[in-house]
Amino acid sequence: MLGVAAVVCVSSRSQGTAPGLQGCYILGGTPRRIQMAELIAVVVASLVMYWPLMLLHEANIRAGGIGFGDRQLSAPQAD
């Protein structure tokens, strides 16, 4: 579940780049600054999501599972 959340978080950041650049240009900002802010946001989001995912993986291995891909850590399934 957190893996899906990580993917959604990172992809939502990438979808906001073009509108962010347009809004920044209208307000007088520079594209370089917005691109740097977007890059920092993606890196921070990735680092924040790394630790909970690693803890889940390690806890599942300690409980006798195989980590990600195990039945207890399965991805959400469509109905």
N, C-alpha and C. Protein backbone atom coordinates (compact mmCIF):
# COMPACT_ATOMS: atom_id res chain seq x y z
N MET A 1 0.82 -1.19 0.00
CA MET A 1 0.00 0.00 0.00
C MET A 1 0.87 1.26 0.00
N LEU A 2 1.93 1.26 0.83
CA LEU A 2 2.80 2.42 0.85
C LEU A 2 3.60 2.55 -0.43
N GLY A 3 3.88 1.41 -1.08
CA GLY A 3 4.56 1.47 -2.37
C GLY A 3 3.73 2.19 -3.40
N VAL A 4 2.44 1.92 -3.41
CA VAL A 4 1.52 2.61 -4.32
C VAL A 4 1.47 4.09 -3.97
N ALA A 5 1.44 4.39 -2.67
CA ALA A 5 1.42 5.79 -2.24
C ALA A 5 2.69 6.51 -2.68
N ALA A 6 3.82 5.82 -2.64
CA ALA A 6 5.08 6.43 -3.08
C ALA A 6 5.03 6.76 -4.56
N VAL A 7 4.52 5.83 -5.35
CA VAL A 7 4.42 6.07 -6.80
C VAL A 7 3.48 7.23 -7.09
N VAL A 8 2.34 7.26 -6.41
CA VAL A 8 1.38 8.35 -6.61
C VAL A 8 1.98 9.68 -6.21
N CYS A 9 2.71 9.69 -5.10
CA CYS A 9 3.33 10.93 -4.62
C CYS A 9 4.32 11.48 -5.64
N VAL A 10 5.19 10.62 -6.14
CA VAL A 10 6.20 11.07 -7.10
C VAL A 10 5.55 11.46 -8.43
N SER A 11 4.57 10.68 -8.89
CA SER A 11 3.95 11.02 -10.18
C SER A 11 3.11 12.30 -10.08
N SER A 12 2.51 12.55 -8.92
CA SER A 12 1.73 13.78 -8.78
C SER A 12 2.66 15.00 -8.80
N ARG A 13 3.87 14.85 -8.31
CA ARG A 13 4.84 15.94 -8.37
C ARG A 13 5.22 16.22 -9.81
N SER A 14 5.35 15.18 -10.63
CA SER A 14 5.75 15.40 -12.02
C SER A 14 4.61 16.04 -12.82
N GLN A 15 3.36 15.76 -12.46
CA GLN A 15 2.23 16.34 -13.17
C GLN A 15 2.07 17.83 -12.86
N GLY A 16 2.66 18.30 -11.79
CA GLY A 16 2.52 19.70 -11.41
C GLY A 16 3.60 20.60 -11.97
N THR A 17 4.53 20.06 -12.72
CA THR A 17 5.66 20.86 -13.21
C THR A 17 5.22 21.90 -14.23
N ALA A 18 4.49 21.52 -15.26
CA ALA A 18 4.11 22.46 -16.31
C ALA A 18 3.21 23.58 -15.78
N PRO A 19 2.15 23.29 -15.02
CA PRO A 19 1.35 24.39 -14.47
C PRO A 19 2.15 25.27 -13.50
N GLY A 20 3.07 24.65 -12.78
CA GLY A 20 3.91 25.42 -11.86
C GLY A 20 4.81 26.40 -12.60
N LEU A 21 5.38 25.94 -13.70
CA LEU A 21 6.22 26.82 -14.51
C LEU A 21 5.41 27.96 -15.11
N GLN A 22 4.20 27.66 -15.57
CA GLN A 22 3.34 28.69 -16.16
C GLN A 22 2.96 29.74 -15.11
N GLY A 23 2.54 29.27 -13.95
CA GLY A 23 2.17 30.21 -12.88
C GLY A 23 3.34 31.05 -12.41
N CYS A 24 4.51 30.43 -12.34
CA CYS A 24 5.71 31.16 -11.93
C CYS A 24 6.07 32.24 -12.95
N TYR A 25 5.94 31.91 -14.22
CA TYR A 25 6.25 32.87 -15.27
C TYR A 25 5.30 34.06 -15.21
N ILE A 26 4.03 33.78 -14.98
CA ILE A 26 3.04 34.85 -14.89
C ILE A 26 3.35 35.77 -13.71
N LEU A 27 3.82 35.18 -12.61
CA LEU A 27 4.14 35.97 -11.41
C LEU A 27 5.53 36.59 -11.44
N GLY A 28 6.29 36.31 -12.49
CA GLY A 28 7.61 36.94 -12.64
C GLY A 28 8.76 36.09 -12.17
N GLY A 29 8.54 34.83 -11.88
CA GLY A 29 9.62 33.95 -11.43
C GLY A 29 10.41 33.41 -12.60
N THR A 30 11.46 32.69 -12.28
CA THR A 30 12.29 32.10 -13.33
C THR A 30 12.05 30.59 -13.38
N PRO A 31 12.08 30.01 -14.58
CA PRO A 31 11.89 28.56 -14.69
C PRO A 31 12.96 27.76 -13.95
N ARG A 32 14.16 28.30 -13.89
CA ARG A 32 15.24 27.58 -13.19
C ARG A 32 14.91 27.37 -11.71
N ARG A 33 14.39 28.40 -11.06
CA ARG A 33 14.06 28.27 -9.64
C ARG A 33 12.92 27.27 -9.41
N ILE A 34 11.93 27.30 -10.27
CA ILE A 34 10.81 26.36 -10.14
C ILE A 34 11.30 24.93 -10.39
N GLN A 35 12.14 24.73 -11.38
CA GLN A 35 12.65 23.40 -11.65
C GLN A 35 13.50 22.89 -10.50
N MET A 36 14.27 23.76 -9.88
CA MET A 36 15.06 23.35 -8.72
C MET A 36 14.15 22.98 -7.55
N ALA A 37 13.08 23.74 -7.35
CA ALA A 37 12.13 23.43 -6.28
C ALA A 37 11.44 22.10 -6.54
N GLU A 38 11.07 21.83 -7.78
CA GLU A 38 10.44 20.56 -8.14
C GLU A 38 11.40 19.39 -7.91
N LEU A 39 12.65 19.57 -8.28
CA LEU A 39 13.65 18.53 -8.08
C LEU A 39 13.83 18.23 -6.59
N ILE A 40 13.91 19.27 -5.80
CA ILE A 40 14.04 19.09 -4.35
C ILE A 40 12.82 18.39 -3.78
N ALA A 41 11.63 18.74 -4.26
CA ALA A 41 10.40 18.11 -3.77
C ALA A 41 10.38 16.62 -4.09
N VAL A 42 10.82 16.22 -5.28
CA VAL A 42 10.84 14.81 -5.64
C VAL A 42 11.85 14.05 -4.79
N VAL A 43 13.01 14.63 -4.57
CA VAL A 43 14.04 13.97 -3.75
C VAL A 43 13.56 13.81 -2.31
N VAL A 44 12.98 14.86 -1.75
CA VAL A 44 12.49 14.79 -0.37
C VAL A 44 11.36 13.76 -0.25
N ALA A 45 10.43 13.75 -1.18
CA ALA A 45 9.33 12.77 -1.14
C ALA A 45 9.88 11.35 -1.22
N SER A 46 10.87 11.13 -2.07
CA SER A 46 11.46 9.80 -2.19
C SER A 46 12.17 9.38 -0.91
N LEU A 47 12.89 10.31 -0.29
CA LEU A 47 13.59 9.98 0.95
C LEU A 47 12.61 9.72 2.09
N VAL A 48 11.53 10.46 2.14
CA VAL A 48 10.54 10.27 3.20
C VAL A 48 9.87 8.91 3.05
N MET A 49 9.56 8.49 1.84
CA MET A 49 8.87 7.21 1.62
C MET A 49 9.80 6.01 1.74
N TYR A 50 11.10 6.22 1.64
CA TYR A 50 12.05 5.10 1.70
C TYR A 50 12.01 4.39 3.05
N TRP A 51 12.03 5.15 4.12
CA TRP A 51 12.13 4.55 5.45
C TRP A 51 10.93 3.69 5.83
N PRO A 52 9.69 4.15 5.67
CA PRO A 52 8.56 3.26 6.00
C PRO A 52 8.53 2.00 5.14
N LEU A 53 8.89 2.14 3.86
CA LEU A 53 8.90 0.97 2.98
C LEU A 53 9.97 -0.02 3.42
N MET A 54 11.14 0.46 3.78
CA MET A 54 12.21 -0.43 4.22
C MET A 54 11.83 -1.11 5.53
N LEU A 55 11.21 -0.37 6.46
CA LEU A 55 10.78 -0.96 7.73
C LEU A 55 9.74 -2.07 7.51
N LEU A 56 8.78 -1.84 6.61
CA LEU A 56 7.80 -2.88 6.29
C LEU A 56 8.46 -4.11 5.69
N HIS A 57 9.37 -3.90 4.79
CA HIS A 57 10.08 -5.01 4.13
C HIS A 57 10.85 -5.83 5.16
N GLU A 58 11.64 -5.16 6.00
CA GLU A 58 12.44 -5.85 7.00
C GLU A 58 11.58 -6.56 8.04
N ALA A 59 10.48 -5.92 8.46
CA ALA A 59 9.60 -6.55 9.44
C ALA A 59 8.96 -7.81 8.86
N ASN A 60 8.61 -7.78 7.59
CA ASN A 60 8.02 -8.95 6.96
C ASN A 60 9.04 -10.08 6.86
N ILE A 61 10.27 -9.76 6.57
CA ILE A 61 11.32 -10.78 6.49
C ILE A 61 11.55 -11.40 7.87
N ARG A 62 11.59 -10.56 8.92
CA ARG A 62 11.78 -11.08 10.29
C ARG A 62 10.61 -11.96 10.73
N ALA A 63 9.42 -11.71 10.18
CA ALA A 63 8.24 -12.49 10.54
C ALA A 63 8.15 -13.78 9.71
N GLY A 64 9.15 -14.05 8.89
CA GLY A 64 9.17 -15.28 8.10
C GLY A 64 8.68 -15.12 6.68
N GLY A 65 8.40 -13.91 6.26
CA GLY A 65 7.95 -13.66 4.90
C GLY A 65 9.12 -13.50 3.95
N ILE A 66 8.80 -13.10 2.73
CA ILE A 66 9.84 -12.90 1.71
C ILE A 66 10.03 -11.41 1.40
N GLY A 67 9.39 -10.55 2.17
CA GLY A 67 9.49 -9.11 1.89
C GLY A 67 8.40 -8.69 0.94
N PHE A 68 8.69 -7.75 0.07
CA PHE A 68 7.70 -7.31 -0.90
C PHE A 68 7.38 -8.45 -1.86
N GLY A 69 6.12 -8.59 -2.17
CA GLY A 69 5.66 -9.70 -2.99
C GLY A 69 5.05 -10.80 -2.15
N ASP A 70 5.22 -10.72 -0.84
CA ASP A 70 4.62 -11.68 0.07
C ASP A 70 3.12 -11.43 0.16
N ARG A 71 2.37 -12.44 0.53
CA ARG A 71 0.92 -12.31 0.62
C ARG A 71 0.51 -11.22 1.62
N GLN A 72 1.28 -11.04 2.70
CA GLN A 72 0.94 -10.02 3.70
C GLN A 72 1.27 -8.60 3.24
N LEU A 73 2.15 -8.47 2.27
CA LEU A 73 2.50 -7.14 1.73
C LEU A 73 2.09 -7.04 0.26
N SER A 74 0.97 -7.60 -0.07
CA SER A 74 0.56 -7.60 -1.48
C SER A 74 0.07 -6.21 -1.90
N ALA A 75 0.13 -5.96 -3.17
CA ALA A 75 -0.35 -4.69 -3.72
C ALA A 75 -1.87 -4.69 -3.72
N PRO A 76 -2.50 -3.52 -3.61
CA PRO A 76 -3.97 -3.48 -3.70
C PRO A 76 -4.45 -4.02 -5.04
N GLN A 77 -5.50 -4.80 -5.01
CA GLN A 77 -6.03 -5.42 -6.21
C GLN A 77 -7.34 -4.76 -6.60
N ALA A 78 -7.57 -4.63 -7.90
CA ALA A 78 -8.83 -4.09 -8.40
C ALA A 78 -9.93 -5.11 -8.19
N ASP A 79 -11.13 -4.64 -7.91
CA ASP A 79 -12.27 -5.55 -7.72
C ASP A 79 -12.91 -5.89 -9.03
